């Protein structure tokens, strides 16, 4: 899975930019604020979701531009494009080989994983951030996961509104929404459990190395044999709380440092970053094994806080994986061990130079 051409139009700091990267490492260097992460964000929009920043689409439009933006990529014989028009800056448009398609269809063609400095606090944040991280891992293996998540959330919002109304809600309408929540919620839970089990087994089987190994588990909600009945029985409780109190939206991803048997939240910052790296690298290998395609990796400032030994080990493992890896940094010296075949680009305020 290699992006051979990436073009940006009025996206963030770029009026017009074209990159023709190679199949391995793509190294982007430049000063802070030069626009390196913007390029990674553009690549992250080639998969379902809101990209690595999770920003509203309207914020991605170039300031002073005409009001819309476009991101297009070529992967072999496939042409993928996404963006917004000035007349509807929050309505995402997706095209695959020129034909309009839903955003969820992107998952059938591209898989991408990313690590950013903002994720360094993943284990210290609330459960919702870890749940989003987990769902990105699942999506790379189960393209339909995004559809189940969207339909579950939509049904839950309607149910919450009905329960909040002063007038008694139609029981049949509530029952229909709860049946939708049950069908999509169980599918969500099963996909998450399958990926956590497979990923945990792969991590456990790896030898000790420079990146800490993690054990993974799901907490917060246990699927029942009749989720729809549980929702029906919990209507009064949920109405009083103003929200649905049980379901896969309450799930949390628990991560433990395997060697120390210590929760990730209690580990040092360096250990937490190493745990995250280990999870992402193992997941990339799992995706390649199951789907036959190595996901694109987007690693923002990944080398900045690694010592030379760990940097060299990281580049060696990434090269062994055989996929395309986009990396950013402020200094070219950080990527000396990346090899002579890497595509090396210099980024300067809306310009990209080779």
C-alpha atoms as a PDB file:
ATOM      1  CA  UNK A   1       0.000   0.000   0.000  1.00  0.00           C
ATOM      2  CA  UNK A   2       2.086   2.877  -1.320  1.00  0.00           C
ATOM      3  CA  UNK A   3       1.083   6.437  -2.080  1.00  0.00           C
ATOM      4  CA  UNK A   4       2.940   7.332  -5.254  1.00  0.00           C
ATOM      5  CA  UNK A   5       1.492  10.827  -5.605  1.00  0.00           C
ATOM      6  CA  UNK A   6      -0.099  13.193  -3.082  1.00  0.00           C
ATOM      7  CA  UNK A   7      -1.547  16.567  -4.052  1.00  0.00           C
ATOM      8  CA  UNK A   8      -2.972  19.275  -1.798  1.00  0.00           C
ATOM      9  CA  UNK A   9      -5.132  22.205  -2.855  1.00  0.00           C
ATOM     10  CA  UNK A  10      -5.905  25.011  -0.400  1.00  0.00           C
ATOM     11  CA  UNK A  11      -5.331  22.617   2.485  1.00  0.00           C
ATOM     12  CA  UNK A  12      -4.101  24.197   5.733  1.00  0.00           C
ATOM     13  CA  UNK A  13      -0.891  26.108   4.884  1.00  0.00           C
ATOM     14  CA  UNK A  14      -0.672  24.798   1.310  1.00  0.00           C
ATOM     15  CA  UNK A  15      -2.138  26.619  -1.649  1.00  0.00           C
ATOM     16  CA  UNK A  16      -0.916  23.954  -4.055  1.00  0.00           C
ATOM     17  CA  UNK A  17       1.566  21.145  -3.385  1.00  0.00           C
ATOM     18  CA  UNK A  18       2.499  17.848  -4.991  1.00  0.00           C
ATOM     19  CA  UNK A  19       4.626  15.074  -3.487  1.00  0.00           C
ATOM     20  CA  UNK A  20       5.803  11.966  -5.356  1.00  0.00           C
ATOM     21  CA  UNK A  21       7.170   9.761  -2.563  1.00  0.00           C
ATOM     22  CA  UNK A  22       8.918   6.437  -2.761  1.00  0.00           C
ATOM     23  CA  UNK A  23       7.737   3.163  -1.304  1.00  0.00           C
ATOM     24  CA  UNK A  24       9.678   3.212   1.976  1.00  0.00           C
ATOM     25  CA  UNK A  25      10.522   6.073   4.311  1.00  0.00           C
ATOM     26  CA  UNK A  26       9.219   9.582   3.578  1.00  0.00           C
ATOM     27  CA  UNK A  27      11.107  12.022   5.814  1.00  0.00           C
ATOM     28  CA  UNK A  28       9.756  15.565   6.244  1.00  0.00           C
ATOM     29  CA  UNK A  29      12.029  18.007   8.042  1.00  0.00           C
ATOM     30  CA  UNK A  30      11.615  21.672   8.847  1.00  0.00           C
ATOM     31  CA  UNK A  31      11.206  24.183  11.628  1.00  0.00           C
ATOM     32  CA  UNK A  32       8.327  24.026  14.075  1.00  0.00           C
ATOM     33  CA  UNK A  33       5.212  25.450  12.415  1.00  0.00           C
ATOM     34  CA  UNK A  34       6.504  24.881   8.882  1.00  0.00           C
ATOM     35  CA  UNK A  35       3.581  22.611   7.977  1.00  0.00           C
ATOM     36  CA  UNK A  36       5.017  19.107   8.365  1.00  0.00           C
ATOM     37  CA  UNK A  37       2.108  17.783  10.413  1.00  0.00           C
ATOM     38  CA  UNK A  38      -0.325  19.284   7.898  1.00  0.00           C
ATOM     39  CA  UNK A  39       1.017  16.851   5.302  1.00  0.00           C
ATOM     40  CA  UNK A  40       0.512  13.900   7.643  1.00  0.00           C
ATOM     41  CA  UNK A  41      -2.999  15.127   8.377  1.00  0.00           C
ATOM     42  CA  UNK A  42      -3.754  15.222   4.657  1.00  0.00           C
ATOM     43  CA  UNK A  43      -2.665  11.579   4.313  1.00  0.00           C
ATOM     44  CA  UNK A  44      -4.767  10.637   7.350  1.00  0.00           C
ATOM     45  CA  UNK A  45      -7.874  11.943   5.541  1.00  0.00           C
ATOM     46  CA  UNK A  46      -7.514   9.113   3.032  1.00  0.00           C
ATOM     47  CA  UNK A  47      -9.146   6.795   5.579  1.00  0.00           C
ATOM     48  CA  UNK A  48     -12.560   7.144   7.276  1.00  0.00           C
ATOM     49  CA  UNK A  49     -12.721   9.584  10.149  1.00  0.00           C
ATOM     50  CA  UNK A  50     -11.635  13.142  10.876  1.00  0.00           C
ATOM     51  CA  UNK A  51      -7.907  12.666  10.533  1.00  0.00           C
ATOM     52  CA  UNK A  52      -5.080  12.654  13.021  1.00  0.00           C
ATOM     53  CA  UNK A  53      -6.076  15.960  14.604  1.00  0.00           C
ATOM     54  CA  UNK A  54      -9.792  15.172  14.745  1.00  0.00           C
ATOM     55  CA  UNK A  55     -10.458  18.735  13.570  1.00  0.00           C
ATOM     56  CA  UNK A  56     -13.658  20.004  11.911  1.00  0.00           C
ATOM     57  CA  UNK A  57     -13.358  20.050   8.136  1.00  0.00           C
ATOM     58  CA  UNK A  58     -13.832  23.802   7.997  1.00  0.00           C
ATOM     59  CA  UNK A  59     -10.631  24.320  10.010  1.00  0.00           C
ATOM     60  CA  UNK A  60      -8.600  22.539   7.316  1.00  0.00           C
ATOM     61  CA  UNK A  61      -9.415  25.157   4.662  1.00  0.00           C
ATOM     62  CA  UNK A  62      -6.483  27.459   3.867  1.00  0.00           C
ATOM     63  CA  UNK A  63      -6.880  30.902   5.359  1.00  0.00           C
ATOM     64  CA  UNK A  64      -7.361  33.443   2.609  1.00  0.00           C
ATOM     65  CA  UNK A  65      -8.259  30.729   0.103  1.00  0.00           C
ATOM     66  CA  UNK A  66     -11.485  30.310  -1.873  1.00  0.00           C
ATOM     67  CA  UNK A  67     -13.168  28.366   0.941  1.00  0.00           C
ATOM     68  CA  UNK A  68     -12.772  24.702   0.031  1.00  0.00           C
ATOM     69  CA  UNK A  69      -9.891  22.236  -0.021  1.00  0.00           C
ATOM     70  CA  UNK A  70      -8.856  19.053  -1.786  1.00  0.00           C
ATOM     71  CA  UNK A  71      -6.551  16.139  -1.008  1.00  0.00           C
ATOM     72  CA  UNK A  72      -5.875  13.560  -3.712  1.00  0.00           C
ATOM     73  CA  UNK A  73      -3.654  10.491  -3.849  1.00  0.00           C
ATOM     74  CA  UNK A  74      -2.646   7.753  -6.235  1.00  0.00           C
ATOM     75  CA  UNK A  75      -2.122   4.215  -4.969  1.00  0.00           C
ATOM     76  CA  UNK A  76      -1.190   1.958  -7.848  1.00  0.00           C
ATOM     77  CA  UNK A  77      -4.129   2.124 -10.248  1.00  0.00           C
ATOM     78  CA  UNK A  78      -6.442   3.703  -7.659  1.00  0.00           C
ATOM     79  CA  UNK A  79      -7.142   7.434  -7.506  1.00  0.00           C
ATOM     80  CA  UNK A  80      -8.609   8.675  -4.229  1.00  0.00           C
ATOM     81  CA  UNK A  81      -9.732  12.191  -3.460  1.00  0.00           C
ATOM     82  CA  UNK A  82     -11.443  13.968  -0.587  1.00  0.00           C
ATOM     83  CA  UNK A  83     -12.240  17.522   0.403  1.00  0.00           C
ATOM     84  CA  UNK A  84     -14.960  20.116   0.819  1.00  0.00           C
ATOM     85  CA  UNK A  85     -16.547  22.819  -1.301  1.00  0.00           C
ATOM     86  CA  UNK A  86     -16.778  26.451  -0.249  1.00  0.00           C
ATOM     87  CA  UNK A  87     -20.574  26.269  -0.296  1.00  0.00           C
ATOM     88  CA  UNK A  88     -20.605  23.393   2.235  1.00  0.00           C
ATOM     89  CA  UNK A  89     -17.354  23.437   4.237  1.00  0.00           C
ATOM     90  CA  UNK A  90     -18.523  20.762   6.705  1.00  0.00           C
ATOM     91  CA  UNK A  91     -19.800  18.292   4.086  1.00  0.00           C
ATOM     92  CA  UNK A  92     -17.050  15.912   3.118  1.00  0.00           C
ATOM     93  CA  UNK A  93     -16.822  14.733  -0.476  1.00  0.00           C
ATOM     94  CA  UNK A  94     -15.035  11.487  -1.359  1.00  0.00           C
ATOM     95  CA  UNK A  95     -14.232  10.216  -4.837  1.00  0.00           C
ATOM     96  CA  UNK A  96     -12.663   6.886  -5.782  1.00  0.00           C
ATOM     97  CA  UNK A  97     -11.494   6.644  -9.379  1.00  0.00           C
ATOM     98  CA  UNK A  98     -13.633   9.677 -10.143  1.00  0.00           C
ATOM     99  CA  UNK A  99     -16.881   8.259  -8.746  1.00  0.00           C
ATOM    100  CA  UNK A 100     -18.445   9.751  -5.643  1.00  0.00           C
ATOM    101  CA  UNK A 101     -18.445   7.384  -2.663  1.00  0.00           C
ATOM    102  CA  UNK A 102     -19.215   7.472   1.085  1.00  0.00           C
ATOM    103  CA  UNK A 103     -16.297   8.195   3.389  1.00  0.00           C
ATOM    104  CA  UNK A 104     -16.618   4.717   4.892  1.00  0.00           C
ATOM    105  CA  UNK A 105     -15.614   3.254   1.497  1.00  0.00           C
ATOM    106  CA  UNK A 106     -12.093   4.615   1.966  1.00  0.00           C
ATOM    107  CA  UNK A 107     -11.400   1.823   4.449  1.00  0.00           C
ATOM    108  CA  UNK A 108     -11.667  -0.719   1.649  1.00  0.00           C
ATOM    109  CA  UNK A 109      -8.681   0.826  -0.167  1.00  0.00           C
ATOM    110  CA  UNK A 110      -6.403   2.421   2.399  1.00  0.00           C
ATOM    111  CA  UNK A 111      -5.280   1.644   5.947  1.00  0.00           C
ATOM    112  CA  UNK A 112      -3.323   4.222   7.917  1.00  0.00           C
ATOM    113  CA  UNK A 113      -2.115   4.423  11.507  1.00  0.00           C
ATOM    114  CA  UNK A 114      -0.510   7.367  13.234  1.00  0.00           C
ATOM    115  CA  UNK A 115       1.306   8.551  16.312  1.00  0.00           C
ATOM    116  CA  UNK A 116       1.457  12.245  17.201  1.00  0.00           C
ATOM    117  CA  UNK A 117       2.870  14.152  20.187  1.00  0.00           C
ATOM    118  CA  UNK A 118      -0.710  14.828  21.300  1.00  0.00           C
ATOM    119  CA  UNK A 119      -1.125  11.082  21.823  1.00  0.00           C
ATOM    120  CA  UNK A 120       1.679  10.990  24.391  1.00  0.00           C
ATOM    121  CA  UNK A 121      -0.982  11.539  27.070  1.00  0.00           C
ATOM    122  CA  UNK A 122      -3.297   8.837  25.748  1.00  0.00           C
ATOM    123  CA  UNK A 123      -3.062   6.810  28.944  1.00  0.00           C
ATOM    124  CA  UNK A 124      -3.695   9.873  31.117  1.00  0.00           C
ATOM    125  CA  UNK A 125      -6.748  11.139  29.229  1.00  0.00           C
ATOM    126  CA  UNK A 126     -10.345   9.966  29.527  1.00  0.00           C
ATOM    127  CA  UNK A 127     -11.622   6.658  28.172  1.00  0.00           C
ATOM    128  CA  UNK A 128     -13.060   8.302  25.045  1.00  0.00           C
ATOM    129  CA  UNK A 129      -9.560   9.010  23.665  1.00  0.00           C
ATOM    130  CA  UNK A 130      -8.416   5.417  24.172  1.00  0.00           C
ATOM    131  CA  UNK A 131     -11.661   4.194  22.632  1.00  0.00           C
ATOM    132  CA  UNK A 132     -11.035   6.302  19.520  1.00  0.00           C
ATOM    133  CA  UNK A 133      -7.490   4.957  19.344  1.00  0.00           C
ATOM    134  CA  UNK A 134      -8.800   1.392  19.604  1.00  0.00           C
ATOM    135  CA  UNK A 135     -11.428   1.989  16.930  1.00  0.00           C
ATOM    136  CA  UNK A 136      -8.758   3.195  14.500  1.00  0.00           C
ATOM    137  CA  UNK A 137      -6.900  -0.065  15.098  1.00  0.00           C
ATOM    138  CA  UNK A 138     -10.090  -2.039  14.486  1.00  0.00           C
ATOM    139  CA  UNK A 139     -10.985  -0.069  11.372  1.00  0.00           C
ATOM    140  CA  UNK A 140      -7.758  -1.101   9.663  1.00  0.00           C
ATOM    141  CA  UNK A 141      -8.887  -4.733   9.976  1.00  0.00           C
ATOM    142  CA  UNK A 142     -12.668  -4.370   9.792  1.00  0.00           C
ATOM    143  CA  UNK A 143     -13.686  -1.670   7.255  1.00  0.00           C
ATOM    144  CA  UNK A 144     -17.352  -1.988   8.246  1.00  0.00           C
ATOM    145  CA  UNK A 145     -16.513  -0.968  11.817  1.00  0.00           C
ATOM    146  CA  UNK A 146     -17.029   2.714  11.000  1.00  0.00           C
ATOM    147  CA  UNK A 147     -20.555   2.035   9.718  1.00  0.00           C
ATOM    148  CA  UNK A 148     -21.508   0.132  12.868  1.00  0.00           C
ATOM    149  CA  UNK A 149     -20.096   2.936  15.025  1.00  0.00           C
ATOM    150  CA  UNK A 150     -21.939   5.684  13.124  1.00  0.00           C
ATOM    151  CA  UNK A 151     -25.280   3.855  13.192  1.00  0.00           C
ATOM    152  CA  UNK A 152     -24.953   2.948  16.853  1.00  0.00           C
ATOM    153  CA  UNK A 153     -24.204   6.569  17.789  1.00  0.00           C
ATOM    154  CA  UNK A 154     -27.087   7.887  15.659  1.00  0.00           C
ATOM    155  CA  UNK A 155     -29.604   5.492  17.229  1.00  0.00           C
ATOM    156  CA  UNK A 156     -28.317   6.304  20.720  1.00  0.00           C
ATOM    157  CA  UNK A 157     -28.676  10.049  20.162  1.00  0.00           C
ATOM    158  CA  UNK A 158     -32.283   9.609  19.001  1.00  0.00           C
ATOM    159  CA  UNK A 159     -33.070   7.400  21.992  1.00  0.00           C
ATOM    160  CA  UNK A 160     -31.540   9.927  24.396  1.00  0.00           C
ATOM    161  CA  UNK A 161     -33.636  12.720  22.876  1.00  0.00           C
ATOM    162  CA  UNK A 162     -36.816  10.680  23.176  1.00  0.00           C
ATOM    163  CA  UNK A 163     -36.085   9.830  26.803  1.00  0.00           C
ATOM    164  CA  UNK A 164     -35.385  13.499  27.568  1.00  0.00           C
ATOM    165  CA  UNK A 165     -38.753  14.699  26.200  1.00  0.00           C
ATOM    166  CA  UNK A 166     -41.433  15.525  28.738  1.00  0.00           C
ATOM    167  CA  UNK A 167     -44.064  13.754  26.648  1.00  0.00           C
ATOM    168  CA  UNK A 168     -44.032   9.941  26.927  1.00  0.00           C
ATOM    169  CA  UNK A 169     -42.064   8.394  24.073  1.00  0.00           C
ATOM    170  CA  UNK A 170     -43.613   5.874  21.681  1.00  0.00           C
ATOM    171  CA  UNK A 171     -42.536   2.455  23.081  1.00  0.00           C
ATOM    172  CA  UNK A 172     -42.377   0.949  19.587  1.00  0.00           C
ATOM    173  CA  UNK A 173     -40.097   3.716  18.369  1.00  0.00           C
ATOM    174  CA  UNK A 174     -37.872   3.301  21.401  1.00  0.00           C
ATOM    175  CA  UNK A 175     -37.851  -0.443  20.862  1.00  0.00           C
ATOM    176  CA  UNK A 176     -36.798  -0.035  17.236  1.00  0.00           C
ATOM    177  CA  UNK A 177     -33.938   2.286  18.213  1.00  0.00           C
ATOM    178  CA  UNK A 178     -32.828  -0.099  20.940  1.00  0.00           C
ATOM    179  CA  UNK A 179     -32.845  -2.985  18.472  1.00  0.00           C
ATOM    180  CA  UNK A 180     -30.563  -0.940  16.182  1.00  0.00           C
ATOM    181  CA  UNK A 181     -28.273  -0.108  19.088  1.00  0.00           C
ATOM    182  CA  UNK A 182     -28.114  -3.768  20.060  1.00  0.00           C
ATOM    183  CA  UNK A 183     -27.307  -5.017  16.562  1.00  0.00           C
ATOM    184  CA  UNK A 184     -24.605  -2.436  15.861  1.00  0.00           C
ATOM    185  CA  UNK A 185     -23.356  -2.308  19.449  1.00  0.00           C
ATOM    186  CA  UNK A 186     -22.706  -6.035  19.635  1.00  0.00           C
ATOM    187  CA  UNK A 187     -20.891  -5.889  16.289  1.00  0.00           C
ATOM    188  CA  UNK A 188     -18.712  -3.061  17.665  1.00  0.00           C
ATOM    189  CA  UNK A 189     -17.954  -4.953  20.838  1.00  0.00           C
ATOM    190  CA  UNK A 190     -17.118  -8.192  19.027  1.00  0.00           C
ATOM    191  CA  UNK A 191     -14.766  -6.493  16.566  1.00  0.00           C
ATOM    192  CA  UNK A 192     -12.969  -4.690  19.387  1.00  0.00           C
ATOM    193  CA  UNK A 193     -12.614  -7.880  21.420  1.00  0.00           C
ATOM    194  CA  UNK A 194     -11.264  -9.836  18.430  1.00  0.00           C
ATOM    195  CA  UNK A 195      -8.646  -7.207  17.624  1.00  0.00           C
ATOM    196  CA  UNK A 196      -7.568  -6.782  21.251  1.00  0.00           C
ATOM    197  CA  UNK A 197      -7.133 -10.535  21.613  1.00  0.00           C
ATOM    198  CA  UNK A 198      -5.178 -10.926  18.357  1.00  0.00           C
ATOM    199  CA  UNK A 199      -3.031  -7.858  18.980  1.00  0.00           C
ATOM    200  CA  UNK A 200      -2.318  -8.871  22.565  1.00  0.00           C
ATOM    201  CA  UNK A 201      -1.203 -12.331  21.438  1.00  0.00           C
ATOM    202  CA  UNK A 202       1.118 -10.856  18.809  1.00  0.00           C
ATOM    203  CA  UNK A 203       2.713  -8.446  21.293  1.00  0.00           C
ATOM    204  CA  UNK A 204       3.170 -11.186  23.915  1.00  0.00           C
ATOM    205  CA  UNK A 205       4.918 -13.429  21.373  1.00  0.00           C
ATOM    206  CA  UNK A 206       7.533 -10.807  20.541  1.00  0.00           C
ATOM    207  CA  UNK A 207      10.961 -10.980  22.220  1.00  0.00           C
ATOM    208  CA  UNK A 208      12.101  -8.341  24.652  1.00  0.00           C
ATOM    209  CA  UNK A 209      13.492  -5.346  22.816  1.00  0.00           C
ATOM    210  CA  UNK A 210      13.917  -1.585  22.973  1.00  0.00           C
ATOM    211  CA  UNK A 211      10.158  -0.975  22.983  1.00  0.00           C
ATOM    212  CA  UNK A 212       8.125  -2.004  26.002  1.00  0.00           C
ATOM    213  CA  UNK A 213       5.563  -4.760  25.485  1.00  0.00           C
ATOM    214  CA  UNK A 214       1.976  -4.237  26.587  1.00  0.00           C
ATOM    215  CA  UNK A 215      -0.928  -6.386  27.652  1.00  0.00           C
ATOM    216  CA  UNK A 216      -4.348  -5.214  26.468  1.00  0.00           C
ATOM    217  CA  UNK A 217      -7.814  -5.670  27.902  1.00  0.00           C
ATOM    218  CA  UNK A 218     -11.286  -4.172  27.546  1.00  0.00           C
ATOM    219  CA  UNK A 219     -12.975  -2.663  30.584  1.00  0.00           C
ATOM    220  CA  UNK A 220     -16.070  -0.638  31.407  1.00  0.00           C
ATOM    221  CA  UNK A 221     -18.842  -2.643  29.759  1.00  0.00           C
ATOM    222  CA  UNK A 222     -19.462  -6.336  29.322  1.00  0.00           C
ATOM    223  CA  UNK A 223     -21.760  -7.327  26.414  1.00  0.00           C
ATOM    224  CA  UNK A 224     -24.824  -9.207  27.583  1.00  0.00           C
ATOM    225  CA  UNK A 225     -26.804 -11.910  25.823  1.00  0.00           C
ATOM    226  CA  UNK A 226     -29.734  -9.524  25.322  1.00  0.00           C
ATOM    227  CA  UNK A 227     -28.478  -5.951  25.060  1.00  0.00           C
ATOM    228  CA  UNK A 228     -31.821  -4.711  23.662  1.00  0.00           C
ATOM    229  CA  UNK A 229     -33.632  -5.988  26.752  1.00  0.00           C
ATOM    230  CA  UNK A 230     -31.061  -4.313  29.014  1.00  0.00           C
ATOM    231  CA  UNK A 231     -31.682  -1.015  27.231  1.00  0.00           C
ATOM    232  CA  UNK A 232     -35.425  -1.425  27.573  1.00  0.00           C
ATOM    233  CA  UNK A 233     -35.137  -2.202  31.285  1.00  0.00           C
ATOM    234  CA  UNK A 234     -32.841   0.779  31.800  1.00  0.00           C
ATOM    235  CA  UNK A 235     -35.049   3.465  30.242  1.00  0.00           C
ATOM    236  CA  UNK A 236     -36.022   5.100  33.532  1.00  0.00           C
ATOM    237  CA  UNK A 237     -32.432   5.096  34.768  1.00  0.00           C
ATOM    238  CA  UNK A 238     -31.101   6.542  31.504  1.00  0.00           C
ATOM    239  CA  UNK A 239     -33.849   9.181  31.392  1.00  0.00           C
ATOM    240  CA  UNK A 240     -32.896  10.324  34.893  1.00  0.00           C
ATOM    241  CA  UNK A 241     -29.214  10.431  33.991  1.00  0.00           C
ATOM    242  CA  UNK A 242     -29.835  12.198  30.675  1.00  0.00           C
ATOM    243  CA  UNK A 243     -27.687   9.685  28.778  1.00  0.00           C
ATOM    244  CA  UNK A 244     -27.349   5.973  28.048  1.00  0.00           C
ATOM    245  CA  UNK A 245     -25.363   4.376  30.858  1.00  0.00           C
ATOM    246  CA  UNK A 246     -24.521   1.008  29.316  1.00  0.00           C
ATOM    247  CA  UNK A 247     -23.170  -0.007  25.941  1.00  0.00           C
ATOM    248  CA  UNK A 248     -19.966  -0.137  23.904  1.00  0.00           C
ATOM    249  CA  UNK A 249     -19.650   3.655  24.197  1.00  0.00           C
ATOM    250  CA  UNK A 250     -18.635   2.982  27.818  1.00  0.00           C
ATOM    251  CA  UNK A 251     -15.739   0.680  26.882  1.00  0.00           C
ATOM    252  CA  UNK A 252     -12.178   1.526  27.881  1.00  0.00           C
ATOM    253  CA  UNK A 253      -8.883   0.080  26.629  1.00  0.00           C
ATOM    254  CA  UNK A 254      -6.702  -0.970  29.571  1.00  0.00           C
ATOM    255  CA  UNK A 255      -2.963  -1.125  28.798  1.00  0.00           C
ATOM    256  CA  UNK A 256      -0.388  -2.628  31.160  1.00  0.00           C
ATOM    257  CA  UNK A 257       3.401  -2.680  30.949  1.00  0.00           C
ATOM    258  CA  UNK A 258       4.021  -6.413  30.621  1.00  0.00           C
ATOM    259  CA  UNK A 259       7.465  -6.631  32.204  1.00  0.00           C
ATOM    260  CA  UNK A 260       6.574  -4.388  35.142  1.00  0.00           C
ATOM    261  CA  UNK A 261       2.945  -5.509  35.468  1.00  0.00           C
ATOM    262  CA  UNK A 262       2.123  -1.844  35.912  1.00  0.00           C
ATOM    263  CA  UNK A 263      -0.754   0.149  34.432  1.00  0.00           C
ATOM    264  CA  UNK A 264       0.372   2.376  31.574  1.00  0.00           C
ATOM    265  CA  UNK A 265      -1.036   5.424  33.364  1.00  0.00           C
ATOM    266  CA  UNK A 266       1.539   4.881  36.133  1.00  0.00           C
ATOM    267  CA  UNK A 267       4.501   4.464  33.788  1.00  0.00           C
ATOM    268  CA  UNK A 268       6.966   7.188  32.891  1.00  0.00           C
ATOM    269  CA  UNK A 269       6.405   9.366  29.829  1.00  0.00           C
ATOM    270  CA  UNK A 270       9.169   7.533  27.980  1.00  0.00           C
ATOM    271  CA  UNK A 271       7.681   4.156  28.856  1.00  0.00           C
ATOM    272  CA  UNK A 272       4.245   5.267  27.716  1.00  0.00           C
ATOM    273  CA  UNK A 273       5.637   6.365  24.345  1.00  0.00           C
ATOM    274  CA  UNK A 274       7.461   3.048  24.025  1.00  0.00           C
ATOM    275  CA  UNK A 275       4.245   1.166  24.813  1.00  0.00           C
ATOM    276  CA  UNK A 276       2.373   3.116  22.146  1.00  0.00           C
ATOM    277  CA  UNK A 277       5.107   2.485  19.597  1.00  0.00           C
ATOM    278  CA  UNK A 278       5.070  -1.218  20.380  1.00  0.00           C
ATOM    279  CA  UNK A 279       1.297  -1.399  19.954  1.00  0.00           C
ATOM    280  CA  UNK A 280       1.295   0.466  16.634  1.00  0.00           C
ATOM    281  CA  UNK A 281       4.183  -1.546  15.197  1.00  0.00           C
ATOM    282  CA  UNK A 282       2.622  -4.869  16.224  1.00  0.00           C
ATOM    283  CA  UNK A 283      -0.726  -3.767  14.816  1.00  0.00           C
ATOM    284  CA  UNK A 284       0.853  -2.823  11.496  1.00  0.00           C
ATOM    285  CA  UNK A 285       2.282  -6.342  11.271  1.00  0.00           C
ATOM    286  CA  UNK A 286      -1.090  -7.852  12.194  1.00  0.00           C
ATOM    287  CA  UNK A 287      -2.863  -5.845   9.471  1.00  0.00           C
ATOM    288  CA  UNK A 288      -0.278  -6.931   6.908  1.00  0.00           C
ATOM    289  CA  UNK A 289      -0.702 -10.571   7.910  1.00  0.00           C
ATOM    290  CA  UNK A 290      -4.503 -10.541   7.827  1.00  0.00           C
ATOM    291  CA  UNK A 291      -5.173  -8.302   4.845  1.00  0.00           C
ATOM    292  CA  UNK A 292      -2.076  -8.753   2.717  1.00  0.00           C
ATOM    293  CA  UNK A 293      -1.397  -5.004   2.680  1.00  0.00           C
ATOM    294  CA  UNK A 294       0.876  -3.054   5.007  1.00  0.00           C
ATOM    295  CA  UNK A 295      -0.796   0.094   6.347  1.00  0.00           C
ATOM    296  CA  UNK A 296       0.682   3.524   5.799  1.00  0.00           C
ATOM    297  CA  UNK A 297       2.302   4.749   9.025  1.00  0.00           C
ATOM    298  CA  UNK A 298       2.308   8.440   9.974  1.00  0.00           C
ATOM    299  CA  UNK A 299       4.801   9.167  12.745  1.00  0.00           C
ATOM    300  CA  UNK A 300       4.905  12.805  13.830  1.00  0.00           C
ATOM    301  CA  UNK A 301       8.098  13.806  15.697  1.00  0.00           C
ATOM    302  CA  UNK A 302       8.629  10.138  16.542  1.00  0.00           C
ATOM    303  CA  UNK A 303      12.439  10.271  16.745  1.00  0.00           C
ATOM    304  CA  UNK A 304      12.818  13.432  18.812  1.00  0.00           C
ATOM    305  CA  UNK A 305      12.828  11.751  22.229  1.00  0.00           C
ATOM    306  CA  UNK A 306      14.505   8.457  21.322  1.00  0.00           C
ATOM    307  CA  UNK A 307      18.168   7.786  22.027  1.00  0.00           C
ATOM    308  CA  UNK A 308      20.344   6.719  19.050  1.00  0.00           C
ATOM    309  CA  UNK A 309      20.045   3.017  19.899  1.00  0.00           C
ATOM    310  CA  UNK A 310      16.258   3.107  19.979  1.00  0.00           C
ATOM    311  CA  UNK A 311      16.106   5.275  16.840  1.00  0.00           C
ATOM    312  CA  UNK A 312      18.203   2.771  14.936  1.00  0.00           C
ATOM    313  CA  UNK A 313      16.067  -0.104  16.262  1.00  0.00           C
ATOM    314  CA  UNK A 314      12.889   1.722  15.232  1.00  0.00           C
ATOM    315  CA  UNK A 315      14.086   2.371  11.673  1.00  0.00           C
ATOM    316  CA  UNK A 316      15.263  -1.225  11.340  1.00  0.00           C
ATOM    317  CA  UNK A 317      11.893  -2.592  12.409  1.00  0.00           C
ATOM    318  CA  UNK A 318       9.993  -0.179  10.205  1.00  0.00           C
ATOM    319  CA  UNK A 319      12.141  -1.121   7.211  1.00  0.00           C
ATOM    320  CA  UNK A 320      11.590  -4.806   7.944  1.00  0.00           C
ATOM    321  CA  UNK A 321       7.833  -4.201   7.853  1.00  0.00           C
ATOM    322  CA  UNK A 322       8.121  -3.155   4.224  1.00  0.00           C
ATOM    323  CA  UNK A 323       5.451  -0.438   4.282  1.00  0.00           C
ATOM    324  CA  UNK A 324       5.438   3.267   3.527  1.00  0.00           C
ATOM    325  CA  UNK A 325       6.291   5.333   6.601  1.00  0.00           C
ATOM    326  CA  UNK A 326       5.883   9.117   6.744  1.00  0.00           C
ATOM    327  CA  UNK A 327       7.974  10.735   9.503  1.00  0.00           C
ATOM    328  CA  UNK A 328       8.509  14.326  10.577  1.00  0.00           C
ATOM    329  CA  UNK A 329      11.273  16.028  12.539  1.00  0.00           C
ATOM    330  CA  UNK A 330      13.032  19.341  12.986  1.00  0.00           C
ATOM    331  CA  UNK A 331      16.513  17.997  12.255  1.00  0.00           C
ATOM    332  CA  UNK A 332      17.738  15.859   9.387  1.00  0.00           C
ATOM    333  CA  UNK A 333      20.322  14.266  11.675  1.00  0.00           C
ATOM    334  CA  UNK A 334      17.546  12.432  13.524  1.00  0.00           C
ATOM    335  CA  UNK A 335      16.954  10.352  10.400  1.00  0.00           C
ATOM    336  CA  UNK A 336      20.543   9.528   9.477  1.00  0.00           C
ATOM    337  CA  UNK A 337      19.869   5.819  10.130  1.00  0.00           C
ATOM    338  CA  UNK A 338      16.820   5.872   7.823  1.00  0.00           C
ATOM    339  CA  UNK A 339      19.022   4.986   4.853  1.00  0.00           C
ATOM    340  CA  UNK A 340      19.859   6.480   1.491  1.00  0.00           C
ATOM    341  CA  UNK A 341      16.676   5.244  -0.204  1.00  0.00           C
ATOM    342  CA  UNK A 342      14.377   7.419   1.907  1.00  0.00           C
ATOM    343  CA  UNK A 343      12.427  10.213   0.220  1.00  0.00           C
ATOM    344  CA  UNK A 344      13.718  13.296   2.022  1.00  0.00           C
ATOM    345  CA  UNK A 345      11.753  16.546   1.777  1.00  0.00           C
ATOM    346  CA  UNK A 346      12.293  19.971   3.283  1.00  0.00           C
ATOM    347  CA  UNK A 347       9.184  21.847   4.416  1.00  0.00           C
ATOM    348  CA  UNK A 348       9.048  25.628   4.677  1.00  0.00           C
ATOM    349  CA  UNK A 349       5.778  27.573   5.152  1.00  0.00           C
ATOM    350  CA  UNK A 350       3.659  26.151   2.367  1.00  0.00           C
ATOM    351  CA  UNK A 351       6.575  24.913   0.281  1.00  0.00           C
ATOM    352  CA  UNK A 352       7.960  21.414  -0.103  1.00  0.00           C
ATOM    353  CA  UNK A 353      11.453  20.975  -1.573  1.00  0.00           C
ATOM    354  CA  UNK A 354      13.340  17.773  -2.307  1.00  0.00           C
END
